[in-house]
Amino acid sequence: MTTPHPTAAGTRHRTPQERAALGKAARSSVPRSSHVEFTPTAKRPDPVAVLEAQSATRVPELVPIRYGRMAESPFRFYRGAAAVMAGDLADTPRSGFRTQLCGDAHLLNFGLLASPERRLVFDINDFDETLPGPWEWDVKRLSASFVVAGRANGFSAQERAGVVRSTVRSYREWMRRYAGMGDLPVWYARFDEEWVRDLFVKEGSARTRARWEESVAKARTRDSRQAFAKLTRVVDGRPRIAADPPLITPLQDLLPDVERGALEEQLRGLIEHYGRSLQADRRFLLEQYRFGDVARKVVGVGSVGTRCWIVLLLGRDDDDPLILQAKEAAASVLEPFAGAGGRRTEGERVVFGQRLMQATSDIFLGWERADGIDGRRRDFYVRQLRDWKGAAQPESMVPAGMRAFGELCGATLARAHARSGDRIAIASYLGGGDVFDRALVPFAERYADQNERDHQALLDAVRGGRVTAGTA
């Protein structure tokens, strides 16, 4: 049995005036200027030890790939170090208002995706760590990610400050806008591609506009058919997932015959049973497909080593593909600091958080708990591998382009938080001035300094032989 969502508790029956008063009162105990603070505590754990603790439950032969990717640059380290930052954020000031968090709200976890109506929208696109918690944590992780990315691009301190201020100001102003809206208009709000172009891109530089159009065009090509053409080949007259080790390893290349057969049956069962977490009409659609093939896939940076499978399903014929991704869901890195999320399984936690924060979600998004051939029970969430996904390319952004992207991310995060948290109290706390915006500039710089030290600690651990870094 699930528990009520903690972010909604206590706000249902208060008037807007009472909720606004709560937000304003919170400034006395937690001044907005106090969010400038970040000082590592004396008891701060070794960042490499935090990563090693995560690695202990992952596929051993894939763990070196994770360390190798994180060692490449401070920005790549940051992407994989959500668990490290979660502990750091727990010691920072908080106003006391909770929302559903992304949990890993760095800038590359925002991008284009398809709505069920086949329209491109801009939204958050990663929810492995989603959990209810202090709204400030997502804003701070997002802000620091822009500083880390800006340093990688050689931006000056002034240019980086402009990006952070624009990002946080956008979050604050959009939260205040949502505070004045009714519940249904907030719930229905979404950022269509055309709307984004008109509001955030149209007034930008020619380079910004051109890159946006390129991203939109590329996103529209990234679907199951594109993945099918790229990832499969015909073997004995049947489409099969092609090997690209260690990134993609078909099941037949992974295990001996007996174990392979047992695991394939379990994965077939996972896909069949996860359909129970879908709406009835979408479950009916899923049942039209038949099992084609399955392979293990290495994904992301921080997720490397988690069990992730891509499953080829076929519809009316062998040229009608649907490729699903079944990804292991472990406990959120926020849980030791924010508490449990009240979901029955970790897969359900991810799916619930995604459906709550996103304006629109993949029609095949669902979850299942399954027993592995090693006898261990694991949680998974399932979604389409590709459905018009478009990602940012921060390494090619100039300061003006990154500011515009930051404004879009800030607005998107505010919309996601407004759906689950007390948007009126948060907006009242933030206020109409830029006190909070300015406070997050030095915070983000200080955390980027810490991230560089942590990245160096990983490099030292690799050189000293403490951990092994691989390439892929």
Protein backbone atom coordinates (compact mmCIF):
# COMPACT_ATOMS: atom_id res chain seq x y z
CA MET A 1 0.00 0.00 0.00
CA THR A 2 1.38 3.42 -0.97
CA THR A 3 1.52 6.40 1.34
CA PRO A 4 0.20 9.89 0.48
CA HIS A 5 2.66 12.06 -1.38
CA PRO A 6 4.46 14.01 1.35
CA THR A 7 4.83 17.18 -0.69
CA ALA A 8 1.06 17.60 -0.82
CA ALA A 9 0.42 16.98 2.87
CA GLY A 10 -0.86 19.93 4.82
CA THR A 11 -1.48 22.26 1.83
CA ARG A 12 -4.82 21.00 0.49
CA HIS A 13 -7.06 23.03 2.75
CA ARG A 14 -5.02 26.18 3.34
CA THR A 15 -5.98 29.34 1.51
CA PRO A 16 -3.56 30.90 -0.97
CA GLN A 17 -2.99 33.71 1.51
CA GLU A 18 -2.08 31.24 4.28
CA ARG A 19 0.32 29.39 1.96
CA ALA A 20 1.96 32.64 0.88
CA ALA A 21 2.37 33.64 4.52
CA LEU A 22 4.15 30.34 5.23
CA GLY A 23 6.61 31.04 2.44
CA LYS A 24 7.32 34.57 3.57
CA ALA A 25 7.72 33.47 7.19
CA ALA A 26 10.34 30.91 6.16
CA ARG A 27 12.66 33.75 5.14
CA SER A 28 13.17 34.57 8.83
CA SER A 29 14.49 31.15 9.80
CA VAL A 30 16.23 30.46 6.46
CA PRO A 31 17.20 33.75 4.79
CA ARG A 32 17.39 33.54 1.03
CA SER A 33 20.93 34.90 1.19
CA SER A 34 21.94 31.88 3.30
CA HIS A 35 21.83 29.66 0.20
CA VAL A 36 25.21 31.05 -0.73
CA GLU A 37 26.65 28.60 1.80
CA PHE A 38 28.66 25.55 0.91
CA THR A 39 31.40 24.36 3.20
CA PRO A 40 32.31 20.65 3.25
CA THR A 41 31.89 19.20 6.71
CA ALA A 42 34.72 17.53 8.58
CA LYS A 43 32.80 14.26 8.35
CA ARG A 44 32.33 14.48 4.57
CA PRO A 45 32.93 10.98 3.18
CA ASP A 46 35.62 10.21 0.66
CA PRO A 47 33.94 10.71 -2.75
CA VAL A 48 35.65 7.65 -4.20
CA ALA A 49 34.32 5.56 -1.32
CA VAL A 50 30.80 6.76 -2.17
CA LEU A 51 31.28 5.61 -5.76
CA GLU A 52 32.74 2.30 -4.64
CA ALA A 53 29.72 1.65 -2.43
CA GLN A 54 27.46 2.09 -5.45
CA SER A 55 29.68 -0.13 -7.58
CA ALA A 56 29.44 -3.00 -5.10
CA THR A 57 25.93 -3.85 -6.34
CA ARG A 58 26.64 -3.40 -10.06
CA VAL A 59 27.83 -5.71 -12.82
CA PRO A 60 31.55 -6.10 -11.94
CA GLU A 61 32.92 -6.18 -15.49
CA LEU A 62 31.15 -2.91 -16.35
CA VAL A 63 32.25 -0.88 -13.31
CA PRO A 64 35.64 0.11 -14.86
CA ILE A 65 33.73 1.71 -17.75
CA ARG A 66 31.91 3.92 -15.26
CA TYR A 67 35.15 5.04 -13.62
CA GLY A 68 36.71 5.60 -17.03
CA ARG A 69 33.88 7.83 -18.18
CA MET A 70 33.84 9.81 -14.93
CA ALA A 71 37.61 10.28 -15.08
CA GLU A 72 37.45 11.96 -18.50
CA SER A 73 36.55 15.44 -17.21
CA PRO A 74 35.07 17.30 -14.23
CA PHE A 75 31.76 17.58 -16.10
CA ARG A 76 31.59 13.84 -16.72
CA PHE A 77 32.47 13.25 -13.08
CA TYR A 78 29.66 15.59 -12.04
CA ARG A 79 27.16 13.66 -14.14
CA GLY A 80 28.05 10.44 -12.37
CA ALA A 81 28.36 11.86 -8.86
CA ALA A 82 24.74 12.48 -7.88
CA ALA A 83 25.29 10.35 -4.78
CA VAL A 84 28.25 12.48 -3.73
CA MET A 85 26.31 15.73 -4.12
CA ALA A 86 23.25 14.33 -2.34
CA GLY A 87 25.25 14.08 0.86
CA ASP A 88 26.61 17.59 0.38
CA LEU A 89 23.18 19.10 -0.26
CA ALA A 90 21.84 17.53 2.93
CA ASP A 91 24.00 19.97 4.90
CA THR A 92 22.85 23.11 3.05
CA PRO A 93 20.03 25.46 4.13
CA ARG A 94 16.47 24.48 3.23
CA SER A 95 13.25 26.46 3.53
CA GLY A 96 11.19 23.46 4.62
CA PHE A 97 9.04 23.06 1.48
CA ARG A 98 9.22 19.77 -0.39
CA THR A 99 8.45 18.80 -3.96
CA GLN A 100 8.96 15.72 -6.06
CA LEU A 101 12.62 16.01 -7.07
CA CYS A 102 14.35 14.86 -10.22
CA GLY A 103 17.27 14.05 -7.91
CA ASP A 104 19.83 14.49 -10.69
CA ALA A 105 18.83 17.76 -12.30
CA HIS A 106 22.01 18.57 -14.21
CA LEU A 107 21.66 20.33 -17.54
CA LEU A 108 22.02 17.21 -19.71
CA ASN A 109 18.96 15.68 -18.06
CA PHE A 110 16.78 18.24 -19.83
CA GLY A 111 15.87 17.89 -23.48
CA LEU A 112 13.38 17.16 -26.22
CA LEU A 113 11.06 14.17 -26.20
CA ALA A 114 7.83 13.07 -27.87
CA SER A 115 4.36 13.38 -26.42
CA PRO A 116 1.80 10.63 -27.12
CA GLU A 117 0.17 13.09 -29.55
CA ARG A 118 3.46 13.03 -31.53
CA ARG A 119 4.50 16.55 -30.69
CA LEU A 120 7.97 17.50 -29.53
CA VAL A 121 8.11 18.92 -26.01
CA PHE A 122 10.95 20.10 -23.79
CA ASP A 123 11.11 18.47 -20.37
CA ILE A 124 13.22 16.70 -17.76
CA ASN A 125 14.20 13.28 -19.09
CA ASP A 126 15.95 11.33 -16.31
CA PHE A 127 14.33 10.16 -13.09
CA ASP A 128 16.51 7.38 -11.70
CA GLU A 129 16.96 9.34 -8.46
CA THR A 130 13.51 10.93 -8.19
CA LEU A 131 12.15 11.29 -4.66
CA PRO A 132 10.27 13.88 -2.58
CA GLY A 133 12.68 16.33 -0.99
CA PRO A 134 13.67 19.99 -0.58
CA TRP A 135 13.08 21.90 -3.81
CA GLU A 136 16.38 23.72 -3.36
CA TRP A 137 18.37 20.54 -4.04
CA ASP A 138 17.29 20.29 -7.68
CA VAL A 139 17.87 24.01 -8.27
CA LYS A 140 21.35 23.84 -6.76
CA ARG A 141 22.38 20.76 -8.74
CA LEU A 142 21.17 22.40 -11.93
CA SER A 143 22.98 25.66 -11.16
CA ALA A 144 26.28 24.00 -10.34
CA SER A 145 26.10 21.94 -13.53
CA PHE A 146 26.11 25.15 -15.58
CA VAL A 147 29.24 26.37 -13.80
CA VAL A 148 31.00 23.04 -14.38
CA ALA A 149 30.00 23.11 -18.06
CA GLY A 150 30.90 26.79 -18.38
CA ARG A 151 34.38 26.19 -17.00
CA ALA A 152 34.86 23.37 -19.51
CA ASN A 153 34.01 25.84 -22.27
CA GLY A 154 36.43 28.45 -20.96
CA PHE A 155 33.74 30.94 -19.92
CA SER A 156 34.83 33.75 -17.61
CA ALA A 157 33.55 34.01 -14.04
CA GLN A 158 31.30 36.87 -15.14
CA GLU A 159 29.87 34.83 -18.01
CA ARG A 160 29.23 31.85 -15.73
CA ALA A 161 27.54 34.11 -13.19
CA GLY A 162 25.25 35.40 -15.92
CA VAL A 163 24.23 31.86 -16.83
CA VAL A 164 23.46 30.90 -13.22
CA ARG A 165 21.52 34.09 -12.50
CA SER A 166 19.45 33.63 -15.66
CA THR A 167 18.70 30.01 -14.79
CA VAL A 168 17.64 30.73 -11.22
CA ARG A 169 15.75 33.89 -12.13
CA SER A 170 13.78 31.89 -14.68
CA TYR A 171 12.94 29.27 -12.05
CA ARG A 172 11.84 31.96 -9.60
CA GLU A 173 9.76 33.95 -12.07
CA TRP A 174 8.03 30.91 -13.50
CA MET A 175 7.29 29.57 -10.03
CA ARG A 176 5.66 32.90 -9.22
CA ARG A 177 3.67 32.65 -12.44
CA TYR A 178 2.47 29.15 -11.54
CA ALA A 179 1.58 30.34 -8.04
CA GLY A 180 -1.05 32.59 -9.60
CA MET A 181 -2.58 29.79 -11.69
CA GLY A 182 -5.22 27.21 -10.83
CA ASP A 183 -4.35 23.57 -10.28
CA LEU A 184 -5.60 22.31 -13.66
CA PRO A 185 -3.79 24.96 -15.75
CA VAL A 186 -0.55 24.09 -13.92
CA TRP A 187 -1.13 20.40 -14.56
CA TYR A 188 -1.82 20.94 -18.26
CA ALA A 189 1.14 23.28 -18.81
CA ARG A 190 3.83 21.96 -21.13
CA PHE A 191 6.56 23.43 -23.30
CA ASP A 192 5.88 22.50 -26.92
CA GLU A 193 8.74 22.88 -29.36
CA GLU A 194 7.03 25.75 -31.19
CA TRP A 195 6.37 27.57 -27.90
CA VAL A 196 10.01 27.14 -26.86
CA ARG A 197 11.17 28.51 -30.20
CA ASP A 198 8.98 31.58 -29.90
CA LEU A 199 9.73 32.36 -26.24
CA PHE A 200 13.32 31.25 -25.67
CA VAL A 201 14.99 30.85 -29.07
CA LYS A 202 13.49 33.40 -31.45
CA GLU A 203 15.25 36.38 -29.87
CA GLY A 204 18.58 34.57 -29.59
CA SER A 205 21.57 34.75 -31.92
CA ALA A 206 21.53 33.22 -35.39
CA ARG A 207 23.81 30.49 -34.05
CA THR A 208 21.42 29.68 -31.19
CA ARG A 209 18.45 29.51 -33.57
CA ALA A 210 20.34 27.31 -36.02
CA ARG A 211 21.42 24.88 -33.31
CA TRP A 212 17.88 24.66 -31.99
CA GLU A 213 16.52 23.80 -35.42
CA GLU A 214 19.25 21.18 -35.84
CA SER A 215 18.34 19.65 -32.47
CA VAL A 216 14.65 19.54 -33.37
CA ALA A 217 15.30 17.91 -36.74
CA LYS A 218 17.65 15.34 -35.22
CA ALA A 219 15.25 14.50 -32.38
CA ARG A 220 12.49 13.65 -34.85
CA THR A 221 14.70 10.95 -36.39
CA ARG A 222 15.49 9.22 -33.08
CA ASP A 223 12.76 6.62 -32.73
CA SER A 224 12.37 2.83 -32.70
CA ARG A 225 12.80 2.59 -36.47
CA GLN A 226 16.08 4.52 -36.35
CA ALA A 227 17.29 2.39 -33.43
CA PHE A 228 16.18 -0.74 -35.31
CA ALA A 229 18.25 0.24 -38.36
CA LYS A 230 21.28 1.09 -36.24
CA LEU A 231 21.23 -1.72 -33.68
CA THR A 232 20.03 -4.80 -35.57
CA ARG A 233 21.06 -7.05 -38.44
CA VAL A 234 19.37 -10.00 -40.15
CA VAL A 235 20.61 -13.43 -39.03
CA ASP A 236 19.09 -16.57 -40.57
CA GLY A 237 16.23 -14.48 -41.90
CA ARG A 238 15.42 -12.90 -38.50
CA PRO A 239 16.27 -9.44 -37.18
CA ARG A 240 18.66 -9.72 -34.23
CA ILE A 241 20.41 -7.13 -32.06
CA ALA A 242 23.99 -6.74 -33.29
CA ALA A 243 26.91 -7.09 -30.89
CA ASP A 244 28.99 -4.03 -30.02
CA PRO A 245 30.84 -5.20 -26.90
CA PRO A 246 31.08 -4.12 -24.19
CA LEU A 247 28.39 -1.49 -24.87
CA ILE A 248 25.85 -3.89 -26.40
CA THR A 249 26.06 -7.62 -25.75
CA PRO A 250 23.32 -9.90 -27.13
CA LEU A 251 22.12 -12.52 -24.69
CA GLN A 252 23.51 -15.36 -26.78
CA ASP A 253 27.01 -13.87 -26.37
CA LEU A 254 26.63 -13.28 -22.66
CA LEU A 255 25.84 -16.65 -21.08
CA PRO A 256 26.09 -20.41 -21.75
CA ASP A 257 23.07 -22.12 -23.33
CA VAL A 258 21.29 -23.28 -20.16
CA GLU A 259 21.71 -20.00 -18.27
CA ARG A 260 20.89 -18.01 -21.38
CA GLY A 261 17.62 -19.86 -21.83
CA ALA A 262 16.64 -19.30 -18.22
CA LEU A 263 17.44 -15.58 -18.36
CA GLU A 264 15.62 -15.12 -21.66
CA GLU A 265 12.50 -16.64 -20.15
CA GLN A 266 12.77 -14.31 -17.18
CA LEU A 267 13.17 -11.28 -19.44
CA ARG A 268 10.22 -12.38 -21.54
CA GLY A 269 8.23 -12.62 -18.33
CA LEU A 270 9.41 -9.19 -17.19
CA ILE A 271 8.14 -7.57 -20.38
CA GLU A 272 4.87 -9.50 -20.26
CA HIS A 273 4.17 -8.77 -16.60
CA TYR A 274 5.27 -5.13 -16.59
CA GLY A 275 2.30 -4.47 -18.84
CA ARG A 276 0.14 -4.65 -15.72
CA SER A 277 1.56 -1.25 -14.72
CA LEU A 278 0.30 0.36 -17.95
CA GLN A 279 -3.10 1.80 -18.73
CA ALA A 280 -5.41 -0.86 -20.14
CA ASP A 281 -5.38 0.52 -23.69
CA ARG A 282 -1.59 0.74 -23.73
CA ARG A 283 -1.32 -2.78 -22.32
CA PHE A 284 -3.54 -3.93 -25.22
CA LEU A 285 -1.15 -2.25 -27.67
CA LEU A 286 1.89 -3.87 -26.04
CA GLU A 287 0.27 -7.30 -26.36
CA GLN A 288 0.18 -6.93 -30.14
CA TYR A 289 3.97 -7.28 -30.24
CA ARG A 290 5.98 -10.49 -30.11
CA PHE A 291 9.41 -11.06 -28.59
CA GLY A 292 12.32 -10.74 -31.02
CA ASP A 293 15.65 -10.47 -29.21
CA VAL A 294 17.34 -9.05 -26.11
CA ALA A 295 20.78 -7.63 -25.28
CA ARG A 296 22.55 -6.00 -22.36
CA LYS A 297 23.33 -2.33 -22.90
CA VAL A 298 25.69 0.08 -21.15
CA VAL A 299 23.96 3.42 -20.56
CA GLY A 300 24.91 6.91 -19.40
CA VAL A 301 27.69 7.79 -16.99
CA GLY A 302 26.34 7.41 -13.48
CA SER A 303 24.20 4.42 -14.51
CA VAL A 304 27.01 2.34 -15.96
CA GLY A 305 27.06 -1.05 -14.29
CA THR A 306 23.37 -1.17 -13.47
CA ARG A 307 21.54 -3.99 -15.23
CA CYS A 308 20.03 -2.60 -18.38
CA TRP A 309 18.44 -4.60 -21.19
CA ILE A 310 17.18 -3.57 -24.60
CA VAL A 311 14.35 -5.73 -25.87
CA LEU A 312 13.40 -5.97 -29.54
CA LEU A 313 9.67 -6.52 -30.08
CA LEU A 314 8.08 -6.97 -33.49
CA GLY A 315 4.55 -6.01 -34.56
CA ARG A 316 2.66 -6.74 -37.77
CA ASP A 317 5.85 -8.08 -39.41
CA ASP A 318 9.64 -8.06 -39.02
CA ASP A 319 9.78 -4.48 -40.26
CA ASP A 320 7.51 -3.11 -37.51
CA PRO A 321 9.81 -2.74 -34.48
CA LEU A 322 9.36 -1.52 -30.93
CA ILE A 323 12.55 -1.37 -28.87
CA LEU A 324 12.11 -1.14 -25.12
CA GLN A 325 14.71 -0.51 -22.43
CA ALA A 326 14.36 -2.32 -19.11
CA LYS A 327 16.63 -0.62 -16.59
CA GLU A 328 17.42 -1.65 -13.05
CA ALA A 329 16.10 0.74 -10.42
CA ALA A 330 18.05 0.91 -7.17
CA ALA A 331 17.23 3.07 -4.17
CA SER A 332 17.50 6.80 -4.85
CA VAL A 333 20.76 8.42 -3.78
CA LEU A 334 18.57 10.98 -1.96
CA GLU A 335 16.90 8.41 0.30
CA PRO A 336 19.48 8.46 3.16
CA PHE A 337 18.99 12.23 3.41
CA ALA A 338 15.37 12.85 2.33
CA GLY A 339 13.67 9.68 3.58
CA ALA A 340 11.83 6.96 1.69
CA GLY A 341 9.39 7.90 -1.04
CA GLY A 342 6.50 5.65 -0.02
CA ARG A 343 6.42 3.51 -3.17
CA ARG A 344 6.23 -0.30 -3.06
CA THR A 345 9.18 -0.87 -5.40
CA GLU A 346 12.03 1.23 -6.77
CA GLY A 347 10.70 0.83 -10.31
CA GLU A 348 7.34 2.22 -9.25
CA ARG A 349 9.19 5.08 -7.50
CA VAL A 350 10.89 6.05 -10.77
CA VAL A 351 7.72 5.80 -12.84
CA PHE A 352 5.59 7.68 -10.29
CA GLY A 353 8.14 10.48 -10.08
CA GLN A 354 8.45 10.74 -13.85
CA ARG A 355 4.70 10.81 -14.42
CA LEU A 356 4.30 13.43 -11.69
CA MET A 357 7.09 15.74 -12.90
CA GLN A 358 6.83 15.40 -16.67
CA ALA A 359 4.11 17.20 -18.58
CA THR A 360 3.70 14.10 -20.73
CA SER A 361 5.33 10.67 -20.53
CA ASP A 362 6.14 7.72 -22.77
CA ILE A 363 3.05 5.55 -23.30
CA PHE A 364 5.12 2.43 -22.56
CA LEU A 365 6.56 3.71 -19.27
CA GLY A 366 6.00 1.14 -16.52
CA TRP A 367 7.67 -1.02 -13.89
CA GLU A 368 8.15 -4.60 -12.70
CA ARG A 369 9.94 -6.56 -9.98
CA ALA A 370 11.75 -9.66 -11.23
CA ASP A 371 13.94 -12.48 -9.90
CA GLY A 372 17.31 -12.90 -11.61
CA ILE A 373 18.97 -16.20 -12.44
CA ASP A 374 21.21 -15.54 -9.42
CA GLY A 375 18.12 -15.71 -7.22
CA ARG A 376 18.18 -12.00 -6.35
CA ARG A 377 15.04 -9.91 -6.71
CA ARG A 378 15.54 -6.64 -8.57
CA ASP A 379 13.33 -3.74 -9.57
CA PHE A 380 13.14 -2.43 -13.14
CA TYR A 381 11.40 0.33 -15.01
CA VAL A 382 10.64 0.03 -18.71
CA ARG A 383 10.28 2.62 -21.45
CA GLN A 384 10.97 3.04 -25.14
CA LEU A 385 14.68 3.16 -25.92
CA ARG A 386 14.20 6.14 -28.21
CA ASP A 387 11.16 8.26 -28.82
CA TRP A 388 12.21 11.51 -30.48
CA LYS A 389 14.82 12.22 -27.82
CA GLY A 390 17.03 15.25 -28.27
CA ALA A 391 19.90 16.17 -25.95
CA ALA A 392 21.79 19.43 -25.50
CA GLN A 393 25.42 19.82 -26.54
CA PRO A 394 26.86 22.13 -23.89
CA GLU A 395 30.40 21.86 -25.24
CA SER A 396 29.31 23.77 -28.36
CA MET A 397 27.41 26.52 -26.49
CA VAL A 398 28.57 30.12 -26.31
CA PRO A 399 27.64 32.13 -23.18
CA ALA A 400 24.48 33.62 -24.73
CA GLY A 401 23.30 30.18 -25.87
CA MET A 402 23.95 28.65 -22.47
CA ARG A 403 22.05 31.49 -20.79
CA ALA A 404 19.05 30.84 -23.02
CA PHE A 405 19.25 27.12 -22.33
CA GLY A 406 19.53 27.81 -18.60
CA GLU A 407 16.39 29.94 -18.71
CA LEU A 408 14.54 27.10 -20.42
CA CYS A 409 15.78 24.53 -17.89
CA GLY A 410 14.86 26.80 -14.98
CA ALA A 411 11.34 27.30 -16.31
CA THR A 412 10.95 23.57 -16.91
CA LEU A 413 12.10 22.68 -13.41
CA ALA A 414 9.70 25.23 -11.92
CA ARG A 415 6.80 23.66 -13.83
CA ALA A 416 7.79 20.18 -12.62
CA HIS A 417 8.06 21.32 -9.01
CA ALA A 418 4.82 23.31 -9.21
CA ARG A 419 2.88 20.13 -10.00
CA SER A 420 3.81 18.43 -6.72
CA GLY A 421 4.95 21.02 -4.19
CA ASP A 422 3.38 24.06 -2.60
CA ARG A 423 4.08 26.43 -5.47
CA ILE A 424 2.48 29.35 -3.63
CA ALA A 425 4.68 28.99 -0.55
CA ILE A 426 7.84 28.47 -2.63
CA ALA A 427 7.05 31.49 -4.81
CA SER A 428 6.39 33.62 -1.75
CA TYR A 429 9.66 32.50 -0.20
CA LEU A 430 11.59 33.38 -3.36
CA GLY A 431 9.90 36.77 -3.75
CA GLY A 432 10.09 39.27 -6.54
CA GLY A 433 13.71 40.32 -6.00
CA ASP A 434 16.93 38.59 -7.01
CA VAL A 435 18.30 37.71 -3.55
CA PHE A 436 18.07 33.96 -4.14
CA ASP A 437 19.36 34.27 -7.72
CA ARG A 438 22.49 36.07 -6.55
CA ALA A 439 23.07 33.69 -3.65
CA LEU A 440 23.29 30.68 -5.96
CA VAL A 441 26.12 32.17 -8.03
CA PRO A 442 28.81 31.76 -5.33
CA PHE A 443 27.22 28.49 -4.20
CA ALA A 444 27.52 27.05 -7.69
CA GLU A 445 31.12 28.24 -8.04
CA ARG A 446 32.08 26.76 -4.67
CA TYR A 447 30.48 23.47 -5.55
CA ALA A 448 32.23 23.40 -8.91
CA ASP A 449 35.50 23.82 -6.97
CA GLN A 450 34.53 20.84 -4.81
CA ASN A 451 33.62 18.82 -7.88
CA GLU A 452 37.07 19.46 -9.35
CA ARG A 453 38.68 18.25 -6.13
CA ASP A 454 36.50 15.14 -6.18
CA HIS A 455 37.37 14.51 -9.82
CA GLN A 456 41.04 14.75 -8.94
CA ALA A 457 40.48 12.26 -6.10
CA LEU A 458 39.13 9.79 -8.65
CA LEU A 459 42.12 10.37 -10.94
CA ASP A 460 44.43 9.73 -7.99
CA ALA A 461 42.53 6.54 -7.14
CA VAL A 462 42.93 5.33 -10.72
CA ARG A 463 46.64 6.13 -10.83
CA GLY A 464 47.17 4.49 -7.45
CA GLY A 465 45.39 1.32 -8.49
CA ARG A 466 42.58 1.69 -5.97
CA VAL A 467 40.01 1.54 -8.79
CA THR A 468 40.33 0.45 -12.39
CA ALA A 469 39.21 2.70 -15.23
CA GLY A 470 38.23 1.22 -18.57
CA THR A 471 37.31 2.73 -21.92
CA ALA A 472 34.17 2.25 -23.98
